[in-house]
């Protein structure tokens, strides 16, 4: 639901939020997203992959009711 999605997004670090916006909201191709962030395409795709795993972890925490205490931004990009 929307409230859950907002809590998950808020739990992301600023760098994760920026990557989320570029990769998922703007739906930029890896080449374009890498250019925006001034990183290699390989680094971009690796970071997106880590972000997907982080989002899944946050979603699972959210669904089990553990709340923001377990959503501490512990996964660096």
C-alpha atoms as a PDB file:
ATOM      1  CA  UNK A   1       0.000   0.000   0.000  1.00  0.00           C
ATOM      2  CA  UNK A   2       1.004   3.641  -0.314  1.00  0.00           C
ATOM      3  CA  UNK A   3       1.786   4.187   3.380  1.00  0.00           C
ATOM      4  CA  UNK A   4       4.047   1.167   3.422  1.00  0.00           C
ATOM      5  CA  UNK A   5       5.831   2.289   0.248  1.00  0.00           C
ATOM      6  CA  UNK A   6       6.392   5.748   1.727  1.00  0.00           C
ATOM      7  CA  UNK A   7       7.859   4.273   4.917  1.00  0.00           C
ATOM      8  CA  UNK A   8      10.166   2.034   2.899  1.00  0.00           C
ATOM      9  CA  UNK A   9      11.309   4.956   0.723  1.00  0.00           C
ATOM     10  CA  UNK A  10      11.903   7.075   3.848  1.00  0.00           C
ATOM     11  CA  UNK A  11      14.075   4.293   5.286  1.00  0.00           C
ATOM     12  CA  UNK A  12      16.470   4.522   2.335  1.00  0.00           C
ATOM     13  CA  UNK A  13      19.614   6.576   2.601  1.00  0.00           C
ATOM     14  CA  UNK A  14      19.751   9.748   0.471  1.00  0.00           C
ATOM     15  CA  UNK A  15      22.042   7.959  -1.999  1.00  0.00           C
ATOM     16  CA  UNK A  16      19.616   5.033  -2.219  1.00  0.00           C
ATOM     17  CA  UNK A  17      16.715   7.427  -2.754  1.00  0.00           C
ATOM     18  CA  UNK A  18      18.589   9.152  -5.577  1.00  0.00           C
ATOM     19  CA  UNK A  19      19.346   5.807  -7.205  1.00  0.00           C
ATOM     20  CA  UNK A  20      15.728   4.693  -6.761  1.00  0.00           C
ATOM     21  CA  UNK A  21      14.502   7.875  -8.417  1.00  0.00           C
ATOM     22  CA  UNK A  22      16.858   7.489 -11.362  1.00  0.00           C
ATOM     23  CA  UNK A  23      16.425   3.754 -11.891  1.00  0.00           C
ATOM     24  CA  UNK A  24      12.765   3.251 -11.068  1.00  0.00           C
ATOM     25  CA  UNK A  25      10.889   6.547 -11.210  1.00  0.00           C
ATOM     26  CA  UNK A  26      12.639   8.080 -14.201  1.00  0.00           C
ATOM     27  CA  UNK A  27      13.201   4.598 -15.657  1.00  0.00           C
ATOM     28  CA  UNK A  28      16.535   5.576 -17.175  1.00  0.00           C
ATOM     29  CA  UNK A  29      18.503   2.953 -19.034  1.00  0.00           C
ATOM     30  CA  UNK A  30      21.664   1.833 -17.207  1.00  0.00           C
ATOM     31  CA  UNK A  31      23.825   3.839 -19.611  1.00  0.00           C
ATOM     32  CA  UNK A  32      21.846   7.002 -18.934  1.00  0.00           C
ATOM     33  CA  UNK A  33      21.587   6.436 -15.189  1.00  0.00           C
ATOM     34  CA  UNK A  34      25.330   5.839 -14.989  1.00  0.00           C
ATOM     35  CA  UNK A  35      25.944   9.061 -16.874  1.00  0.00           C
ATOM     36  CA  UNK A  36      23.685  11.030 -14.494  1.00  0.00           C
ATOM     37  CA  UNK A  37      25.563   9.646 -11.471  1.00  0.00           C
ATOM     38  CA  UNK A  38      28.950   9.909 -13.204  1.00  0.00           C
ATOM     39  CA  UNK A  39      29.754   6.250 -12.585  1.00  0.00           C
ATOM     40  CA  UNK A  40      30.364   3.253 -14.831  1.00  0.00           C
ATOM     41  CA  UNK A  41      27.465   1.226 -16.191  1.00  0.00           C
ATOM     42  CA  UNK A  42      28.775  -1.750 -14.229  1.00  0.00           C
ATOM     43  CA  UNK A  43      28.735   0.245 -10.987  1.00  0.00           C
ATOM     44  CA  UNK A  44      25.240   1.490 -11.758  1.00  0.00           C
ATOM     45  CA  UNK A  45      23.840  -1.988 -12.372  1.00  0.00           C
ATOM     46  CA  UNK A  46      25.575  -3.327  -9.238  1.00  0.00           C
ATOM     47  CA  UNK A  47      24.080  -0.544  -7.130  1.00  0.00           C
ATOM     48  CA  UNK A  48      20.622  -1.105  -8.586  1.00  0.00           C
ATOM     49  CA  UNK A  49      20.927  -4.808  -7.809  1.00  0.00           C
ATOM     50  CA  UNK A  50      21.922  -4.055  -4.199  1.00  0.00           C
ATOM     51  CA  UNK A  51      19.047  -1.571  -3.972  1.00  0.00           C
ATOM     52  CA  UNK A  52      16.583  -4.220  -5.156  1.00  0.00           C
ATOM     53  CA  UNK A  53      17.784  -6.546  -2.402  1.00  0.00           C
ATOM     54  CA  UNK A  54      17.546  -3.743   0.161  1.00  0.00           C
ATOM     55  CA  UNK A  55      14.015  -2.902  -0.955  1.00  0.00           C
ATOM     56  CA  UNK A  56      13.024  -6.544  -0.641  1.00  0.00           C
ATOM     57  CA  UNK A  57      14.489  -6.679   2.855  1.00  0.00           C
ATOM     58  CA  UNK A  58      12.680  -3.490   3.863  1.00  0.00           C
ATOM     59  CA  UNK A  59       9.445  -4.785   2.365  1.00  0.00           C
ATOM     60  CA  UNK A  60       9.761  -8.028   4.330  1.00  0.00           C
ATOM     61  CA  UNK A  61      10.487  -6.086   7.526  1.00  0.00           C
ATOM     62  CA  UNK A  62       7.486  -3.882   6.848  1.00  0.00           C
ATOM     63  CA  UNK A  63       5.195  -6.851   6.263  1.00  0.00           C
ATOM     64  CA  UNK A  64       6.303  -8.575   9.460  1.00  0.00           C
ATOM     65  CA  UNK A  65       5.688  -5.420  11.472  1.00  0.00           C
ATOM     66  CA  UNK A  66       9.218  -4.742  12.669  1.00  0.00           C
ATOM     67  CA  UNK A  67       8.956  -1.105  11.606  1.00  0.00           C
ATOM     68  CA  UNK A  68      11.648   1.507  11.240  1.00  0.00           C
ATOM     69  CA  UNK A  69      13.918   0.053  13.923  1.00  0.00           C
ATOM     70  CA  UNK A  70      15.063  -2.544  11.400  1.00  0.00           C
ATOM     71  CA  UNK A  71      15.151  -0.090   8.519  1.00  0.00           C
ATOM     72  CA  UNK A  72      18.301   1.737   9.491  1.00  0.00           C
ATOM     73  CA  UNK A  73      20.058   2.298   6.176  1.00  0.00           C
ATOM     74  CA  UNK A  74      22.701  -0.279   6.979  1.00  0.00           C
ATOM     75  CA  UNK A  75      23.421  -1.248   3.362  1.00  0.00           C
ATOM     76  CA  UNK A  76      25.806   1.231   1.727  1.00  0.00           C
ATOM     77  CA  UNK A  77      25.771   1.812  -1.985  1.00  0.00           C
END
